[in-house]
């Protein structure tokens, strides 16, 4: 773990650096406040900082406040070192955002123990962030396919409609629906149907650009949102989606299932709402189904 140590006393700084290296830490040693802040702000790998209270250049108090004001940055455990001001420095440091405080003179084992406490705090913070990310994904993604769920793909479409209106770009929408999917469930079981949906979503995703979006609209129906697209480009993607499903059988429990999908196409062309875009794509999908399935219709 990387620790930044800022101390104006060169001799004490060297002793601290040597102790920390012996304990297994990676150390960045600095003597001045501005340099300390620049190093912390530019290096996302710093997770702990031991700051002398009263640094010159940029006061330690200001460094603490700047660190705590950063958004979307890794949490840094801040340990303040002081030996002259006592409780007044302690209170001011904690109010500025410090996590802990150690007074001179101190025993090396006391410092080591406080750093271990800091590491536990950082480990807990990382565990919390990982848990929050899992919850975020669960709230926005379909559990079976791993792609966006119904609510999130509609939210994405709404945002892209607004972006398209601001930037003057065309927005495309595709509805892809597996043909005769009920027969797959009835004949081979729901687990087989789930495997077809999961594999089908993976194939569809490979047809898209990095900034396109794919979501499970419901059941066996998928919604694809393509910003900044021409009609020819949109029709080309729709055909690739159809072909990637139809051209290669789905392997399920040792069986090879021939599966097809119908695709409805809707280009923005002045449509200003989610309802309008979906209605046009749904009507096109209906025409594809009525026309014999395994085809693309606009």
C-alpha atoms as a PDB file:
ATOM      1  CA  UNK A   1       0.000   0.000   0.000  1.00  0.00           C
ATOM      2  CA  UNK A   2       1.324   3.434  -0.926  1.00  0.00           C
ATOM      3  CA  UNK A   3       1.775   5.983   1.870  1.00  0.00           C
ATOM      4  CA  UNK A   4       2.636   9.644   1.389  1.00  0.00           C
ATOM      5  CA  UNK A   5       4.682  11.167   4.219  1.00  0.00           C
ATOM      6  CA  UNK A   6       4.975  14.967   4.384  1.00  0.00           C
ATOM      7  CA  UNK A   7       7.338  16.359   7.007  1.00  0.00           C
ATOM      8  CA  UNK A   8       9.528  19.475   6.936  1.00  0.00           C
ATOM      9  CA  UNK A   9      12.165  17.880   9.177  1.00  0.00           C
ATOM     10  CA  UNK A  10      14.444  15.965   6.805  1.00  0.00           C
ATOM     11  CA  UNK A  11      15.876  13.744   9.550  1.00  0.00           C
ATOM     12  CA  UNK A  12      12.466  12.744  10.911  1.00  0.00           C
ATOM     13  CA  UNK A  13      11.158  12.269   7.367  1.00  0.00           C
ATOM     14  CA  UNK A  14      13.988   9.837   6.628  1.00  0.00           C
ATOM     15  CA  UNK A  15      13.295   7.871   9.824  1.00  0.00           C
ATOM     16  CA  UNK A  16       9.584   7.631   9.030  1.00  0.00           C
ATOM     17  CA  UNK A  17      10.316   6.528   5.482  1.00  0.00           C
ATOM     18  CA  UNK A  18      12.712   3.801   6.640  1.00  0.00           C
ATOM     19  CA  UNK A  19      10.223   2.495   9.228  1.00  0.00           C
ATOM     20  CA  UNK A  20       7.388   2.337   6.736  1.00  0.00           C
ATOM     21  CA  UNK A  21       9.507   0.593   4.116  1.00  0.00           C
ATOM     22  CA  UNK A  22      10.564  -1.970   6.736  1.00  0.00           C
ATOM     23  CA  UNK A  23       6.867  -2.582   7.501  1.00  0.00           C
ATOM     24  CA  UNK A  24       6.163  -3.267   3.836  1.00  0.00           C
ATOM     25  CA  UNK A  25       4.703   0.049   2.685  1.00  0.00           C
ATOM     26  CA  UNK A  26       5.554   1.862  -0.529  1.00  0.00           C
ATOM     27  CA  UNK A  27       6.559   5.388   0.533  1.00  0.00           C
ATOM     28  CA  UNK A  28       6.523   8.801  -1.133  1.00  0.00           C
ATOM     29  CA  UNK A  29       8.454  11.292   1.033  1.00  0.00           C
ATOM     30  CA  UNK A  30       7.831  15.046   0.663  1.00  0.00           C
ATOM     31  CA  UNK A  31       8.833  18.100   2.718  1.00  0.00           C
ATOM     32  CA  UNK A  32       6.467  20.839   1.462  1.00  0.00           C
ATOM     33  CA  UNK A  33       2.690  21.316   1.487  1.00  0.00           C
ATOM     34  CA  UNK A  34       2.127  22.228  -2.172  1.00  0.00           C
ATOM     35  CA  UNK A  35       4.158  19.236  -3.330  1.00  0.00           C
ATOM     36  CA  UNK A  36       2.204  16.982  -0.991  1.00  0.00           C
ATOM     37  CA  UNK A  37      -1.137  18.143  -2.390  1.00  0.00           C
ATOM     38  CA  UNK A  38       0.026  17.836  -6.007  1.00  0.00           C
ATOM     39  CA  UNK A  39       1.259  14.299  -5.394  1.00  0.00           C
ATOM     40  CA  UNK A  40      -1.987  13.232  -3.718  1.00  0.00           C
ATOM     41  CA  UNK A  41      -4.168  14.885  -6.345  1.00  0.00           C
ATOM     42  CA  UNK A  42      -2.294  13.403  -9.298  1.00  0.00           C
ATOM     43  CA  UNK A  43      -1.586   9.904  -8.002  1.00  0.00           C
ATOM     44  CA  UNK A  44      -4.692   7.749  -7.444  1.00  0.00           C
ATOM     45  CA  UNK A  45      -2.504   5.024  -5.917  1.00  0.00           C
ATOM     46  CA  UNK A  46      -1.932   6.910  -2.658  1.00  0.00           C
ATOM     47  CA  UNK A  47      -4.245   5.411  -0.012  1.00  0.00           C
ATOM     48  CA  UNK A  48      -2.667   6.766   3.203  1.00  0.00           C
ATOM     49  CA  UNK A  49      -0.995  10.029   4.144  1.00  0.00           C
ATOM     50  CA  UNK A  50       1.002  10.959   7.246  1.00  0.00           C
ATOM     51  CA  UNK A  51       1.006  14.758   7.313  1.00  0.00           C
ATOM     52  CA  UNK A  52       2.888  16.976   9.708  1.00  0.00           C
ATOM     53  CA  UNK A  53       0.551  19.591  11.153  1.00  0.00           C
ATOM     54  CA  UNK A  54       1.737  23.013  10.030  1.00  0.00           C
ATOM     55  CA  UNK A  55       3.299  22.267   6.640  1.00  0.00           C
ATOM     56  CA  UNK A  56       4.607  25.284   4.769  1.00  0.00           C
ATOM     57  CA  UNK A  57       3.552  26.238   1.262  1.00  0.00           C
ATOM     58  CA  UNK A  58       0.057  24.810   1.594  1.00  0.00           C
ATOM     59  CA  UNK A  59      -1.200  24.367   5.166  1.00  0.00           C
ATOM     60  CA  UNK A  60      -1.991  20.842   6.287  1.00  0.00           C
ATOM     61  CA  UNK A  61      -5.508  21.959   7.211  1.00  0.00           C
ATOM     62  CA  UNK A  62      -6.141  23.031   3.600  1.00  0.00           C
ATOM     63  CA  UNK A  63      -4.715  19.788   2.228  1.00  0.00           C
ATOM     64  CA  UNK A  64      -7.135  17.789   4.386  1.00  0.00           C
ATOM     65  CA  UNK A  65     -10.104  19.855   3.237  1.00  0.00           C
ATOM     66  CA  UNK A  66      -9.109  19.610  -0.418  1.00  0.00           C
ATOM     67  CA  UNK A  67      -8.775  15.838  -0.167  1.00  0.00           C
ATOM     68  CA  UNK A  68     -12.196  15.487   1.436  1.00  0.00           C
ATOM     69  CA  UNK A  69     -13.805  17.779  -1.165  1.00  0.00           C
ATOM     70  CA  UNK A  70     -12.789  15.567  -4.098  1.00  0.00           C
ATOM     71  CA  UNK A  71     -15.576  13.645  -5.780  1.00  0.00           C
ATOM     72  CA  UNK A  72     -15.210  10.174  -7.283  1.00  0.00           C
ATOM     73  CA  UNK A  73     -11.714   9.739  -5.796  1.00  0.00           C
ATOM     74  CA  UNK A  74     -10.387   6.884  -3.673  1.00  0.00           C
ATOM     75  CA  UNK A  75     -10.675   7.456   0.045  1.00  0.00           C
ATOM     76  CA  UNK A  76      -7.351   8.396   1.675  1.00  0.00           C
ATOM     77  CA  UNK A  77      -6.689   7.668   5.341  1.00  0.00           C
ATOM     78  CA  UNK A  78      -5.210  10.848   6.853  1.00  0.00           C
ATOM     79  CA  UNK A  79      -2.971  10.609   9.922  1.00  0.00           C
ATOM     80  CA  UNK A  80      -1.761  13.915  11.394  1.00  0.00           C
ATOM     81  CA  UNK A  81       1.578  14.205  13.197  1.00  0.00           C
ATOM     82  CA  UNK A  82       2.094  16.989  15.755  1.00  0.00           C
ATOM     83  CA  UNK A  83       4.014  17.661  18.927  1.00  0.00           C
ATOM     84  CA  UNK A  84       3.495  21.277  19.931  1.00  0.00           C
ATOM     85  CA  UNK A  85      -0.129  22.370  19.755  1.00  0.00           C
ATOM     86  CA  UNK A  86      -1.834  19.487  21.521  1.00  0.00           C
ATOM     87  CA  UNK A  87      -5.634  19.364  21.680  1.00  0.00           C
ATOM     88  CA  UNK A  88      -6.181  22.529  19.644  1.00  0.00           C
ATOM     89  CA  UNK A  89      -4.379  20.943  16.691  1.00  0.00           C
ATOM     90  CA  UNK A  90      -6.235  17.662  17.242  1.00  0.00           C
ATOM     91  CA  UNK A  91      -9.652  19.347  17.091  1.00  0.00           C
ATOM     92  CA  UNK A  92      -8.740  21.469  14.076  1.00  0.00           C
ATOM     93  CA  UNK A  93      -7.297  18.475  12.213  1.00  0.00           C
ATOM     94  CA  UNK A  94     -10.361  16.304  12.791  1.00  0.00           C
ATOM     95  CA  UNK A  95     -12.663  19.145  11.727  1.00  0.00           C
ATOM     96  CA  UNK A  96     -10.631  19.506   8.518  1.00  0.00           C
ATOM     97  CA  UNK A  97     -11.146  15.835   7.662  1.00  0.00           C
ATOM     98  CA  UNK A  98      -8.283  13.933   9.311  1.00  0.00           C
ATOM     99  CA  UNK A  99      -8.967  10.366  10.445  1.00  0.00           C
ATOM    100  CA  UNK A 100      -6.401  10.057  13.222  1.00  0.00           C
ATOM    101  CA  UNK A 101      -3.791  12.033  15.120  1.00  0.00           C
ATOM    102  CA  UNK A 102      -0.482  11.066  16.734  1.00  0.00           C
ATOM    103  CA  UNK A 103       1.604  13.304  18.996  1.00  0.00           C
ATOM    104  CA  UNK A 104       5.366  13.481  19.330  1.00  0.00           C
ATOM    105  CA  UNK A 105       7.157  11.763  20.891  1.00  0.00           C
ATOM    106  CA  UNK A 106       5.613   8.442  19.827  1.00  0.00           C
ATOM    107  CA  UNK A 107       6.677   4.823  19.845  1.00  0.00           C
ATOM    108  CA  UNK A 108       7.068   3.128  16.449  1.00  0.00           C
ATOM    109  CA  UNK A 109       4.586   0.427  17.450  1.00  0.00           C
ATOM    110  CA  UNK A 110       1.943   3.069  18.164  1.00  0.00           C
ATOM    111  CA  UNK A 111       2.353   4.448  14.646  1.00  0.00           C
ATOM    112  CA  UNK A 112       2.269   0.939  13.211  1.00  0.00           C
ATOM    113  CA  UNK A 113      -0.941   0.143  15.088  1.00  0.00           C
ATOM    114  CA  UNK A 114      -2.625   3.328  13.864  1.00  0.00           C
ATOM    115  CA  UNK A 115      -1.656   2.516  10.271  1.00  0.00           C
ATOM    116  CA  UNK A 116      -3.110  -0.983  10.664  1.00  0.00           C
ATOM    117  CA  UNK A 117      -6.330   0.625  11.858  1.00  0.00           C
ATOM    118  CA  UNK A 118      -6.263   2.836   8.775  1.00  0.00           C
ATOM    119  CA  UNK A 119      -5.837  -0.187   6.528  1.00  0.00           C
ATOM    120  CA  UNK A 120      -8.865  -1.845   8.140  1.00  0.00           C
ATOM    121  CA  UNK A 121     -10.891   1.294   7.422  1.00  0.00           C
ATOM    122  CA  UNK A 122      -9.751   1.292   3.789  1.00  0.00           C
ATOM    123  CA  UNK A 123     -10.546  -2.422   3.438  1.00  0.00           C
ATOM    124  CA  UNK A 124     -14.039  -1.804   4.806  1.00  0.00           C
ATOM    125  CA  UNK A 125     -14.487   1.116   2.402  1.00  0.00           C
ATOM    126  CA  UNK A 126     -13.467  -1.050  -0.565  1.00  0.00           C
ATOM    127  CA  UNK A 127     -15.845  -3.795   0.560  1.00  0.00           C
ATOM    128  CA  UNK A 128     -18.662  -1.249   0.854  1.00  0.00           C
ATOM    129  CA  UNK A 129     -17.974   0.172  -2.614  1.00  0.00           C
ATOM    130  CA  UNK A 130     -17.922  -3.324  -4.103  1.00  0.00           C
ATOM    131  CA  UNK A 131     -21.257  -4.102  -2.426  1.00  0.00           C
ATOM    132  CA  UNK A 132     -22.764  -0.862  -3.725  1.00  0.00           C
ATOM    133  CA  UNK A 133     -21.597  -1.707  -7.247  1.00  0.00           C
ATOM    134  CA  UNK A 134     -23.226  -5.134  -7.012  1.00  0.00           C
ATOM    135  CA  UNK A 135     -26.462  -3.493  -5.863  1.00  0.00           C
ATOM    136  CA  UNK A 136     -26.269  -0.940  -8.692  1.00  0.00           C
ATOM    137  CA  UNK A 137     -25.840  -3.673 -11.287  1.00  0.00           C
ATOM    138  CA  UNK A 138     -28.653  -5.737  -9.792  1.00  0.00           C
ATOM    139  CA  UNK A 139     -30.975  -2.729  -9.887  1.00  0.00           C
ATOM    140  CA  UNK A 140     -30.229  -1.860 -13.509  1.00  0.00           C
ATOM    141  CA  UNK A 141     -29.452  -5.182 -15.207  1.00  0.00           C
ATOM    142  CA  UNK A 142     -31.449  -8.272 -16.084  1.00  0.00           C
ATOM    143  CA  UNK A 143     -30.408 -11.178 -13.871  1.00  0.00           C
ATOM    144  CA  UNK A 144     -30.670 -13.803 -16.629  1.00  0.00           C
ATOM    145  CA  UNK A 145     -28.873 -12.109 -19.511  1.00  0.00           C
ATOM    146  CA  UNK A 146     -26.722  -9.520 -17.739  1.00  0.00           C
ATOM    147  CA  UNK A 147     -27.888  -6.751 -20.084  1.00  0.00           C
ATOM    148  CA  UNK A 148     -29.960  -3.701 -19.120  1.00  0.00           C
ATOM    149  CA  UNK A 149     -33.366  -4.472 -17.635  1.00  0.00           C
ATOM    150  CA  UNK A 150     -36.720  -3.059 -18.747  1.00  0.00           C
ATOM    151  CA  UNK A 151     -36.590   0.094 -16.644  1.00  0.00           C
ATOM    152  CA  UNK A 152     -32.984   0.966 -17.441  1.00  0.00           C
ATOM    153  CA  UNK A 153     -33.244   0.460 -21.212  1.00  0.00           C
ATOM    154  CA  UNK A 154     -36.286   2.759 -21.274  1.00  0.00           C
ATOM    155  CA  UNK A 155     -34.394   5.326 -19.197  1.00  0.00           C
ATOM    156  CA  UNK A 156     -31.510   5.035 -21.655  1.00  0.00           C
ATOM    157  CA  UNK A 157     -33.860   5.555 -24.595  1.00  0.00           C
ATOM    158  CA  UNK A 158     -35.347   8.654 -22.976  1.00  0.00           C
ATOM    159  CA  UNK A 159     -31.874  10.136 -22.435  1.00  0.00           C
ATOM    160  CA  UNK A 160     -30.832   9.376 -26.003  1.00  0.00           C
ATOM    161  CA  UNK A 161     -33.981  11.021 -27.384  1.00  0.00           C
ATOM    162  CA  UNK A 162     -33.082  14.198 -25.479  1.00  0.00           C
ATOM    163  CA  UNK A 163     -29.462  14.009 -26.639  1.00  0.00           C
ATOM    164  CA  UNK A 164     -30.557  13.468 -30.239  1.00  0.00           C
ATOM    165  CA  UNK A 165     -32.785  16.558 -30.089  1.00  0.00           C
ATOM    166  CA  UNK A 166     -29.957  18.702 -28.682  1.00  0.00           C
ATOM    167  CA  UNK A 167     -27.300  17.531 -31.117  1.00  0.00           C
ATOM    168  CA  UNK A 168     -29.448  17.106 -34.198  1.00  0.00           C
ATOM    169  CA  UNK A 169     -28.462  13.459 -34.736  1.00  0.00           C
ATOM    170  CA  UNK A 170     -30.715  10.605 -35.772  1.00  0.00           C
ATOM    171  CA  UNK A 171     -31.616   7.962 -33.211  1.00  0.00           C
ATOM    172  CA  UNK A 172     -32.537   4.401 -34.087  1.00  0.00           C
ATOM    173  CA  UNK A 173     -34.464   1.742 -32.178  1.00  0.00           C
ATOM    174  CA  UNK A 174     -34.785  -1.983 -32.865  1.00  0.00           C
ATOM    175  CA  UNK A 175     -37.271  -4.426 -31.382  1.00  0.00           C
ATOM    176  CA  UNK A 176     -35.984  -8.006 -31.666  1.00  0.00           C
ATOM    177  CA  UNK A 177     -38.342 -10.837 -30.732  1.00  0.00           C
ATOM    178  CA  UNK A 178     -37.543 -14.567 -30.811  1.00  0.00           C
ATOM    179  CA  UNK A 179     -39.893 -16.436 -33.117  1.00  0.00           C
ATOM    180  CA  UNK A 180     -42.040 -19.262 -31.698  1.00  0.00           C
ATOM    181  CA  UNK A 181     -40.254 -18.944 -28.372  1.00  0.00           C
ATOM    182  CA  UNK A 182     -43.153 -20.530 -26.480  1.00  0.00           C
ATOM    183  CA  UNK A 183     -42.559 -23.739 -28.433  1.00  0.00           C
ATOM    184  CA  UNK A 184     -38.961 -23.834 -27.193  1.00  0.00           C
ATOM    185  CA  UNK A 185     -40.145 -23.559 -23.585  1.00  0.00           C
ATOM    186  CA  UNK A 186     -42.927 -26.109 -24.092  1.00  0.00           C
ATOM    187  CA  UNK A 187     -40.814 -28.660 -25.964  1.00  0.00           C
ATOM    188  CA  UNK A 188     -37.434 -28.345 -24.249  1.00  0.00           C
ATOM    189  CA  UNK A 189     -38.233 -26.690 -20.917  1.00  0.00           C
ATOM    190  CA  UNK A 190     -37.788 -23.245 -19.438  1.00  0.00           C
ATOM    191  CA  UNK A 191     -34.110 -23.803 -18.657  1.00  0.00           C
ATOM    192  CA  UNK A 192     -33.451 -24.369 -22.351  1.00  0.00           C
ATOM    193  CA  UNK A 193     -35.422 -21.224 -23.116  1.00  0.00           C
ATOM    194  CA  UNK A 194     -33.345 -19.266 -20.619  1.00  0.00           C
ATOM    195  CA  UNK A 195     -30.124 -20.498 -22.237  1.00  0.00           C
ATOM    196  CA  UNK A 196     -31.377 -19.393 -25.640  1.00  0.00           C
ATOM    197  CA  UNK A 197     -32.184 -15.924 -24.304  1.00  0.00           C
ATOM    198  CA  UNK A 198     -28.799 -15.587 -22.597  1.00  0.00           C
ATOM    199  CA  UNK A 199     -26.838 -16.737 -25.637  1.00  0.00           C
ATOM    200  CA  UNK A 200     -29.039 -14.672 -27.946  1.00  0.00           C
ATOM    201  CA  UNK A 201     -28.339 -11.518 -25.964  1.00  0.00           C
ATOM    202  CA  UNK A 202     -24.589 -12.193 -26.167  1.00  0.00           C
ATOM    203  CA  UNK A 203     -24.816 -12.551 -29.932  1.00  0.00           C
ATOM    204  CA  UNK A 204     -26.849  -9.361 -30.299  1.00  0.00           C
ATOM    205  CA  UNK A 205     -24.401  -7.401 -28.189  1.00  0.00           C
ATOM    206  CA  UNK A 206     -21.582  -8.314 -30.564  1.00  0.00           C
ATOM    207  CA  UNK A 207     -23.517  -6.598 -33.366  1.00  0.00           C
ATOM    208  CA  UNK A 208     -23.460  -3.233 -31.584  1.00  0.00           C
ATOM    209  CA  UNK A 209     -21.025  -0.361 -31.252  1.00  0.00           C
ATOM    210  CA  UNK A 210     -19.562   0.485 -27.818  1.00  0.00           C
ATOM    211  CA  UNK A 211     -22.007   3.373 -27.333  1.00  0.00           C
ATOM    212  CA  UNK A 212     -25.134   1.464 -28.403  1.00  0.00           C
ATOM    213  CA  UNK A 213     -27.394  -0.062 -25.738  1.00  0.00           C
ATOM    214  CA  UNK A 214     -29.142  -3.415 -25.429  1.00  0.00           C
ATOM    215  CA  UNK A 215     -31.843  -4.271 -22.937  1.00  0.00           C
ATOM    216  CA  UNK A 216     -34.362  -6.986 -22.213  1.00  0.00           C
ATOM    217  CA  UNK A 217     -37.713  -5.342 -22.762  1.00  0.00           C
ATOM    218  CA  UNK A 218     -39.667  -8.310 -21.487  1.00  0.00           C
ATOM    219  CA  UNK A 219     -39.897 -12.071 -21.999  1.00  0.00           C
ATOM    220  CA  UNK A 220     -38.233 -12.902 -25.306  1.00  0.00           C
ATOM    221  CA  UNK A 221     -38.297  -9.314 -26.592  1.00  0.00           C
ATOM    222  CA  UNK A 222     -35.173  -7.137 -26.705  1.00  0.00           C
ATOM    223  CA  UNK A 223     -34.801  -3.402 -27.252  1.00  0.00           C
ATOM    224  CA  UNK A 224     -31.725  -1.974 -28.954  1.00  0.00           C
ATOM    225  CA  UNK A 225     -30.981   1.770 -28.865  1.00  0.00           C
ATOM    226  CA  UNK A 226     -28.556   3.167 -31.454  1.00  0.00           C
ATOM    227  CA  UNK A 227     -27.631   6.871 -31.292  1.00  0.00           C
ATOM    228  CA  UNK A 228     -26.000   8.789 -34.165  1.00  0.00           C
ATOM    229  CA  UNK A 229     -27.104   6.377 -36.876  1.00  0.00           C
ATOM    230  CA  UNK A 230     -28.287   6.592 -40.487  1.00  0.00           C
ATOM    231  CA  UNK A 231     -31.161   4.560 -41.894  1.00  0.00           C
ATOM    232  CA  UNK A 232     -28.752   2.381 -43.874  1.00  0.00           C
ATOM    233  CA  UNK A 233     -26.626   1.841 -40.786  1.00  0.00           C
ATOM    234  CA  UNK A 234     -29.666   0.978 -38.672  1.00  0.00           C
ATOM    235  CA  UNK A 235     -30.992  -1.489 -41.239  1.00  0.00           C
ATOM    236  CA  UNK A 236     -27.538  -3.060 -41.455  1.00  0.00           C
ATOM    237  CA  UNK A 237     -27.402  -3.652 -37.700  1.00  0.00           C
ATOM    238  CA  UNK A 238     -30.937  -5.052 -37.735  1.00  0.00           C
ATOM    239  CA  UNK A 239     -29.963  -7.544 -40.427  1.00  0.00           C
ATOM    240  CA  UNK A 240     -26.828  -8.555 -38.507  1.00  0.00           C
ATOM    241  CA  UNK A 241     -28.956  -9.146 -35.402  1.00  0.00           C
ATOM    242  CA  UNK A 242     -31.356 -11.329 -37.387  1.00  0.00           C
ATOM    243  CA  UNK A 243     -28.515 -13.244 -39.054  1.00  0.00           C
ATOM    244  CA  UNK A 244     -26.486 -13.829 -35.883  1.00  0.00           C
ATOM    245  CA  UNK A 245     -29.484 -15.605 -34.351  1.00  0.00           C
ATOM    246  CA  UNK A 246     -30.554 -17.579 -37.430  1.00  0.00           C
ATOM    247  CA  UNK A 247     -27.240 -18.600 -38.969  1.00  0.00           C
ATOM    248  CA  UNK A 248     -25.837 -20.636 -36.091  1.00  0.00           C
ATOM    249  CA  UNK A 249     -27.837 -23.206 -34.106  1.00  0.00           C
ATOM    250  CA  UNK A 250     -28.083 -22.821 -30.329  1.00  0.00           C
ATOM    251  CA  UNK A 251     -26.473 -25.686 -28.418  1.00  0.00           C
ATOM    252  CA  UNK A 252     -28.572 -26.640 -25.395  1.00  0.00           C
ATOM    253  CA  UNK A 253     -27.986 -29.846 -23.396  1.00  0.00           C
ATOM    254  CA  UNK A 254     -26.241 -31.485 -26.326  1.00  0.00           C
ATOM    255  CA  UNK A 255     -29.016 -30.507 -28.734  1.00  0.00           C
ATOM    256  CA  UNK A 256     -28.755 -28.026 -31.581  1.00  0.00           C
ATOM    257  CA  UNK A 257     -31.800 -25.771 -31.779  1.00  0.00           C
ATOM    258  CA  UNK A 258     -32.535 -23.716 -34.867  1.00  0.00           C
ATOM    259  CA  UNK A 259     -33.811 -20.357 -33.619  1.00  0.00           C
ATOM    260  CA  UNK A 260     -34.852 -17.227 -35.491  1.00  0.00           C
ATOM    261  CA  UNK A 261     -35.839 -13.704 -34.564  1.00  0.00           C
ATOM    262  CA  UNK A 262     -37.909 -10.960 -36.145  1.00  0.00           C
ATOM    263  CA  UNK A 263     -36.720  -7.357 -35.968  1.00  0.00           C
ATOM    264  CA  UNK A 264     -38.723  -4.130 -36.123  1.00  0.00           C
ATOM    265  CA  UNK A 265     -36.888  -0.924 -37.054  1.00  0.00           C
ATOM    266  CA  UNK A 266     -37.702   2.655 -36.038  1.00  0.00           C
ATOM    267  CA  UNK A 267     -35.679   5.746 -36.978  1.00  0.00           C
ATOM    268  CA  UNK A 268     -36.169   8.973 -35.016  1.00  0.00           C
ATOM    269  CA  UNK A 269     -37.210  11.275 -37.880  1.00  0.00           C
ATOM    270  CA  UNK A 270     -38.812  13.838 -35.609  1.00  0.00           C
ATOM    271  CA  UNK A 271     -40.212  11.444 -33.019  1.00  0.00           C
ATOM    272  CA  UNK A 272     -39.854  13.180 -29.676  1.00  0.00           C
ATOM    273  CA  UNK A 273     -41.020  10.632 -27.107  1.00  0.00           C
ATOM    274  CA  UNK A 274     -40.318   7.116 -25.938  1.00  0.00           C
ATOM    275  CA  UNK A 275     -43.896   6.167 -26.758  1.00  0.00           C
ATOM    276  CA  UNK A 276     -43.575   7.280 -30.390  1.00  0.00           C
ATOM    277  CA  UNK A 277     -40.287   5.459 -30.905  1.00  0.00           C
ATOM    278  CA  UNK A 278     -41.546   2.235 -29.340  1.00  0.00           C
ATOM    279  CA  UNK A 279     -44.861   2.355 -31.191  1.00  0.00           C
ATOM    280  CA  UNK A 280     -43.111   2.658 -34.551  1.00  0.00           C
ATOM    281  CA  UNK A 281     -40.687  -0.181 -33.745  1.00  0.00           C
ATOM    282  CA  UNK A 282     -43.497  -2.387 -32.419  1.00  0.00           C
ATOM    283  CA  UNK A 283     -45.593  -1.850 -35.538  1.00  0.00           C
ATOM    284  CA  UNK A 284     -42.584  -2.739 -37.686  1.00  0.00           C
ATOM    285  CA  UNK A 285     -42.028  -5.880 -35.600  1.00  0.00           C
ATOM    286  CA  UNK A 286     -45.670  -6.843 -36.144  1.00  0.00           C
ATOM    287  CA  UNK A 287     -45.174  -6.558 -39.908  1.00  0.00           C
ATOM    288  CA  UNK A 288     -42.076  -8.763 -39.689  1.00  0.00           C
ATOM    289  CA  UNK A 289     -44.040 -11.411 -37.773  1.00  0.00           C
ATOM    290  CA  UNK A 290     -47.012 -11.212 -40.097  1.00  0.00           C
ATOM    291  CA  UNK A 291     -44.758 -11.409 -43.153  1.00  0.00           C
ATOM    292  CA  UNK A 292     -43.366 -14.795 -42.180  1.00  0.00           C
ATOM    293  CA  UNK A 293     -40.908 -14.127 -39.316  1.00  0.00           C
ATOM    294  CA  UNK A 294     -37.094 -14.309 -39.434  1.00  0.00           C
ATOM    295  CA  UNK A 295     -36.978 -10.972 -41.210  1.00  0.00           C
ATOM    296  CA  UNK A 296     -36.381  -7.258 -40.732  1.00  0.00           C
ATOM    297  CA  UNK A 297     -39.129  -4.704 -41.320  1.00  0.00           C
ATOM    298  CA  UNK A 298     -39.344  -0.962 -41.011  1.00  0.00           C
END
